[in-house]
Amino acid sequence: MSDSNTALDTINQTVTATEVPETERLAAMDQFLSTKSVEFEIWIYSLMDQFTTGYDGGYWNFYQLSNGGFFMSLMSDEKFQVSIDSNYFKGEMSAEAISIVVNLFAYCLLSEKYQSERFTDLYHNLLAYAYDHAEAGLILGAID
């Protein structure tokens, strides 16, 4: 098999998410975000508050992706009204979909601030997961 076929196979693989166990949450944050984990969390909560109506905190699960990615997802069955002024997006999303959006925004902001390939890679890993999400169209519209 040639290298180009191997790369194509990797691109076409479905990215899966596995919840990080409670006892491994701090280690996961350190593994993926290093010294920027607190700043990342602050961005997540701030963006969630900024983009949604009705968000007033909650418990966030951590997920590791099969492609080496990571994201935090609000544990809620609620649908959220989402409005993003910077790109004129408006829509209704599940907690997981809007969580993916705010994670993508946070990775983008940290990547720009620190000129870090690590955050750029985490952004692209999560984006690959988002492509197969049931609300992919809304997620992609929200980050456009």
C-alpha atoms as a PDB file:
ATOM      1  CA  MET A   1       0.000   0.000   0.000  1.00  0.00           C
ATOM      2  CA  SER A   2       1.381   3.413  -0.901  1.00  0.00           C
ATOM      3  CA  ASP A   3       1.696   6.313   1.528  1.00  0.00           C
ATOM      4  CA  SER A   4      -1.014   8.257  -0.306  1.00  0.00           C
ATOM      5  CA  ASN A   5      -3.482   5.386   0.147  1.00  0.00           C
ATOM      6  CA  THR A   6      -2.619   5.193   3.854  1.00  0.00           C
ATOM      7  CA  ALA A   7      -3.221   8.930   4.223  1.00  0.00           C
ATOM      8  CA  LEU A   8      -6.542   8.645   2.366  1.00  0.00           C
ATOM      9  CA  ASP A   9      -7.638   5.747   4.590  1.00  0.00           C
ATOM     10  CA  THR A  10      -6.867   7.864   7.674  1.00  0.00           C
ATOM     11  CA  ILE A  11      -8.882  10.795   6.317  1.00  0.00           C
ATOM     12  CA  ASN A  12     -11.881   8.568   5.554  1.00  0.00           C
ATOM     13  CA  GLN A  13     -11.951   6.883   8.974  1.00  0.00           C
ATOM     14  CA  THR A  14     -14.772   7.855  11.302  1.00  0.00           C
ATOM     15  CA  VAL A  15     -13.504   9.699  14.357  1.00  0.00           C
ATOM     16  CA  THR A  16     -14.965   8.374  17.602  1.00  0.00           C
ATOM     17  CA  ALA A  17     -15.200   9.951  21.042  1.00  0.00           C
ATOM     18  CA  THR A  18     -14.525   8.173  24.328  1.00  0.00           C
ATOM     19  CA  GLU A  19     -15.495   9.779  27.620  1.00  0.00           C
ATOM     20  CA  VAL A  20     -12.556  10.426  29.914  1.00  0.00           C
ATOM     21  CA  PRO A  21     -13.175   8.755  33.294  1.00  0.00           C
ATOM     22  CA  GLU A  22     -13.639  11.079  36.276  1.00  0.00           C
ATOM     23  CA  THR A  23     -10.351   9.918  37.825  1.00  0.00           C
ATOM     24  CA  GLU A  24      -8.396  10.836  34.668  1.00  0.00           C
ATOM     25  CA  ARG A  25      -9.836  14.296  33.945  1.00  0.00           C
ATOM     26  CA  LEU A  26      -6.912  16.329  35.298  1.00  0.00           C
ATOM     27  CA  ALA A  27      -4.378  14.129  33.533  1.00  0.00           C
ATOM     28  CA  ALA A  28      -6.310  14.496  30.271  1.00  0.00           C
ATOM     29  CA  MET A  29      -6.371  18.280  30.556  1.00  0.00           C
ATOM     30  CA  ASP A  30      -2.626  18.282  31.187  1.00  0.00           C
ATOM     31  CA  GLN A  31      -1.977  15.849  28.321  1.00  0.00           C
ATOM     32  CA  PHE A  32      -3.934  17.813  25.738  1.00  0.00           C
ATOM     33  CA  LEU A  33      -3.691  21.406  26.937  1.00  0.00           C
ATOM     34  CA  SER A  34      -0.628  21.494  29.181  1.00  0.00           C
ATOM     35  CA  THR A  35      -0.294  24.794  31.039  1.00  0.00           C
ATOM     36  CA  LYS A  36      -3.174  26.351  29.080  1.00  0.00           C
ATOM     37  CA  SER A  37      -5.928  24.132  30.535  1.00  0.00           C
ATOM     38  CA  VAL A  38      -7.358  26.804  32.864  1.00  0.00           C
ATOM     39  CA  GLU A  39      -7.331  29.404  30.087  1.00  0.00           C
ATOM     40  CA  PHE A  40      -9.041  26.901  27.761  1.00  0.00           C
ATOM     41  CA  GLU A  41     -11.788  26.222  30.325  1.00  0.00           C
ATOM     42  CA  ILE A  42     -12.358  29.939  30.882  1.00  0.00           C
ATOM     43  CA  TRP A  43     -12.805  30.407  27.114  1.00  0.00           C
ATOM     44  CA  ILE A  44     -15.230  27.456  26.959  1.00  0.00           C
ATOM     45  CA  TYR A  45     -17.501  28.837  29.689  1.00  0.00           C
ATOM     46  CA  SER A  46     -17.250  32.421  28.440  1.00  0.00           C
ATOM     47  CA  LEU A  47     -18.045  31.526  24.828  1.00  0.00           C
ATOM     48  CA  MET A  48     -20.928  29.288  25.898  1.00  0.00           C
ATOM     49  CA  ASP A  49     -22.374  32.176  27.881  1.00  0.00           C
ATOM     50  CA  GLN A  50     -21.788  34.602  25.006  1.00  0.00           C
ATOM     51  CA  PHE A  51     -23.247  32.409  22.235  1.00  0.00           C
ATOM     52  CA  THR A  52     -26.289  30.903  23.952  1.00  0.00           C
ATOM     53  CA  THR A  53     -29.480  31.932  25.652  1.00  0.00           C
ATOM     54  CA  GLY A  54     -30.230  30.145  28.897  1.00  0.00           C
ATOM     55  CA  TYR A  55     -26.809  28.736  29.744  1.00  0.00           C
ATOM     56  CA  ASP A  56     -26.178  29.027  33.460  1.00  0.00           C
ATOM     57  CA  GLY A  57     -23.366  26.551  34.034  1.00  0.00           C
ATOM     58  CA  GLY A  58     -23.419  22.808  34.385  1.00  0.00           C
ATOM     59  CA  TYR A  59     -21.294  19.694  34.397  1.00  0.00           C
ATOM     60  CA  TRP A  60     -18.999  19.171  31.437  1.00  0.00           C
ATOM     61  CA  ASN A  61     -17.801  15.740  30.311  1.00  0.00           C
ATOM     62  CA  PHE A  62     -14.366  15.371  28.746  1.00  0.00           C
ATOM     63  CA  TYR A  63     -13.876  13.324  25.583  1.00  0.00           C
ATOM     64  CA  GLN A  64     -10.783  11.965  23.911  1.00  0.00           C
ATOM     65  CA  LEU A  65     -11.041  11.439  20.162  1.00  0.00           C
ATOM     66  CA  SER A  66      -9.686   8.463  18.254  1.00  0.00           C
ATOM     67  CA  ASN A  67      -7.595  10.829  16.098  1.00  0.00           C
ATOM     68  CA  GLY A  68      -5.797  12.355  19.098  1.00  0.00           C
ATOM     69  CA  GLY A  69      -8.276  15.164  19.732  1.00  0.00           C
ATOM     70  CA  PHE A  70     -10.016  16.330  22.878  1.00  0.00           C
ATOM     71  CA  PHE A  71     -13.132  18.318  23.754  1.00  0.00           C
ATOM     72  CA  MET A  72     -15.381  19.249  26.631  1.00  0.00           C
ATOM     73  CA  SER A  73     -19.144  18.759  26.303  1.00  0.00           C
ATOM     74  CA  LEU A  74     -21.902  20.156  28.485  1.00  0.00           C
ATOM     75  CA  MET A  75     -23.961  17.319  29.915  1.00  0.00           C
ATOM     76  CA  SER A  76     -27.520  18.397  29.154  1.00  0.00           C
ATOM     77  CA  ASP A  77     -30.555  17.255  27.182  1.00  0.00           C
ATOM     78  CA  GLU A  78     -31.468  20.894  26.558  1.00  0.00           C
ATOM     79  CA  LYS A  79     -31.544  22.563  23.162  1.00  0.00           C
ATOM     80  CA  PHE A  80     -29.897  25.975  23.094  1.00  0.00           C
ATOM     81  CA  GLN A  81     -30.692  29.049  21.056  1.00  0.00           C
ATOM     82  CA  VAL A  82     -27.358  30.064  19.552  1.00  0.00           C
ATOM     83  CA  SER A  83     -26.423  33.459  18.194  1.00  0.00           C
ATOM     84  CA  ILE A  84     -22.911  34.312  17.026  1.00  0.00           C
ATOM     85  CA  ASP A  85     -22.631  37.979  16.128  1.00  0.00           C
ATOM     86  CA  SER A  86     -19.242  37.722  14.388  1.00  0.00           C
ATOM     87  CA  ASN A  87     -20.664  35.580  11.568  1.00  0.00           C
ATOM     88  CA  TYR A  88     -24.417  36.285  11.853  1.00  0.00           C
ATOM     89  CA  PHE A  89     -25.213  32.669  12.760  1.00  0.00           C
ATOM     90  CA  LYS A  90     -28.502  31.929  14.507  1.00  0.00           C
ATOM     91  CA  GLY A  91     -29.917  28.484  15.218  1.00  0.00           C
ATOM     92  CA  GLU A  92     -30.926  25.869  17.745  1.00  0.00           C
ATOM     93  CA  MET A  93     -28.410  23.226  18.805  1.00  0.00           C
ATOM     94  CA  SER A  94     -28.029  20.365  21.213  1.00  0.00           C
ATOM     95  CA  ALA A  95     -25.673  20.810  24.145  1.00  0.00           C
ATOM     96  CA  GLU A  96     -23.073  18.603  22.452  1.00  0.00           C
ATOM     97  CA  ALA A  97     -23.209  20.531  19.166  1.00  0.00           C
ATOM     98  CA  ILE A  98     -22.791  23.943  20.780  1.00  0.00           C
ATOM     99  CA  SER A  99     -20.088  22.467  23.009  1.00  0.00           C
ATOM    100  CA  ILE A 100     -18.164  21.425  19.903  1.00  0.00           C
ATOM    101  CA  VAL A 101     -18.581  24.935  18.506  1.00  0.00           C
ATOM    102  CA  VAL A 102     -17.215  26.646  21.626  1.00  0.00           C
ATOM    103  CA  ASN A 103     -14.307  24.179  21.784  1.00  0.00           C
ATOM    104  CA  LEU A 104     -13.443  24.982  18.160  1.00  0.00           C
ATOM    105  CA  PHE A 105     -13.582  28.716  18.883  1.00  0.00           C
ATOM    106  CA  ALA A 106     -11.416  28.265  22.002  1.00  0.00           C
ATOM    107  CA  TYR A 107      -8.806  26.272  20.064  1.00  0.00           C
ATOM    108  CA  CYS A 108      -8.757  28.936  17.376  1.00  0.00           C
ATOM    109  CA  LEU A 109      -8.295  31.738  19.919  1.00  0.00           C
ATOM    110  CA  LEU A 110      -5.486  29.906  21.725  1.00  0.00           C
ATOM    111  CA  SER A 111      -3.800  28.972  18.457  1.00  0.00           C
ATOM    112  CA  GLU A 112      -3.773  32.618  17.377  1.00  0.00           C
ATOM    113  CA  LYS A 113      -2.636  33.896  20.772  1.00  0.00           C
ATOM    114  CA  TYR A 114       0.237  31.431  21.211  1.00  0.00           C
ATOM    115  CA  GLN A 115       1.015  30.657  17.546  1.00  0.00           C
ATOM    116  CA  SER A 116       0.780  27.037  18.616  1.00  0.00           C
ATOM    117  CA  GLU A 117       0.555  24.101  16.221  1.00  0.00           C
ATOM    118  CA  ARG A 118      -0.737  22.032  19.142  1.00  0.00           C
ATOM    119  CA  PHE A 119      -3.978  24.045  19.326  1.00  0.00           C
ATOM    120  CA  THR A 120      -4.253  24.079  15.535  1.00  0.00           C
ATOM    121  CA  ASP A 121      -3.969  20.277  15.510  1.00  0.00           C
ATOM    122  CA  LEU A 122      -6.585  19.951  18.270  1.00  0.00           C
ATOM    123  CA  TYR A 123      -8.882  22.239  16.255  1.00  0.00           C
ATOM    124  CA  HIS A 124      -8.536  20.078  13.131  1.00  0.00           C
ATOM    125  CA  ASN A 125      -8.946  16.833  15.096  1.00  0.00           C
ATOM    126  CA  LEU A 126     -12.209  18.099  16.588  1.00  0.00           C
ATOM    127  CA  LEU A 127     -13.350  19.454  13.231  1.00  0.00           C
ATOM    128  CA  ALA A 128     -12.880  15.956  11.751  1.00  0.00           C
ATOM    129  CA  TYR A 129     -15.186  14.623  14.470  1.00  0.00           C
ATOM    130  CA  ALA A 130     -17.709  17.400  13.793  1.00  0.00           C
ATOM    131  CA  TYR A 131     -17.992  16.446  10.097  1.00  0.00           C
ATOM    132  CA  ASP A 132     -19.746  13.193  11.055  1.00  0.00           C
ATOM    133  CA  HIS A 133     -21.896  14.708  13.817  1.00  0.00           C
ATOM    134  CA  ALA A 134     -25.686  14.606  13.419  1.00  0.00           C
ATOM    135  CA  GLU A 135     -25.680  18.427  13.586  1.00  0.00           C
ATOM    136  CA  ALA A 136     -22.648  18.900  11.314  1.00  0.00           C
ATOM    137  CA  GLY A 137     -24.421  21.498   9.159  1.00  0.00           C
ATOM    138  CA  LEU A 138     -25.226  23.658  12.171  1.00  0.00           C
ATOM    139  CA  ILE A 139     -21.740  23.263  13.656  1.00  0.00           C
ATOM    140  CA  LEU A 140     -20.059  24.195  10.389  1.00  0.00           C
ATOM    141  CA  GLY A 141     -22.431  27.136   9.914  1.00  0.00           C
ATOM    142  CA  ALA A 142     -21.676  28.385  13.408  1.00  0.00           C
ATOM    143  CA  ILE A 143     -17.909  28.382  12.893  1.00  0.00           C
ATOM    144  CA  ASP A 144     -17.990  29.840   9.376  1.00  0.00           C
END
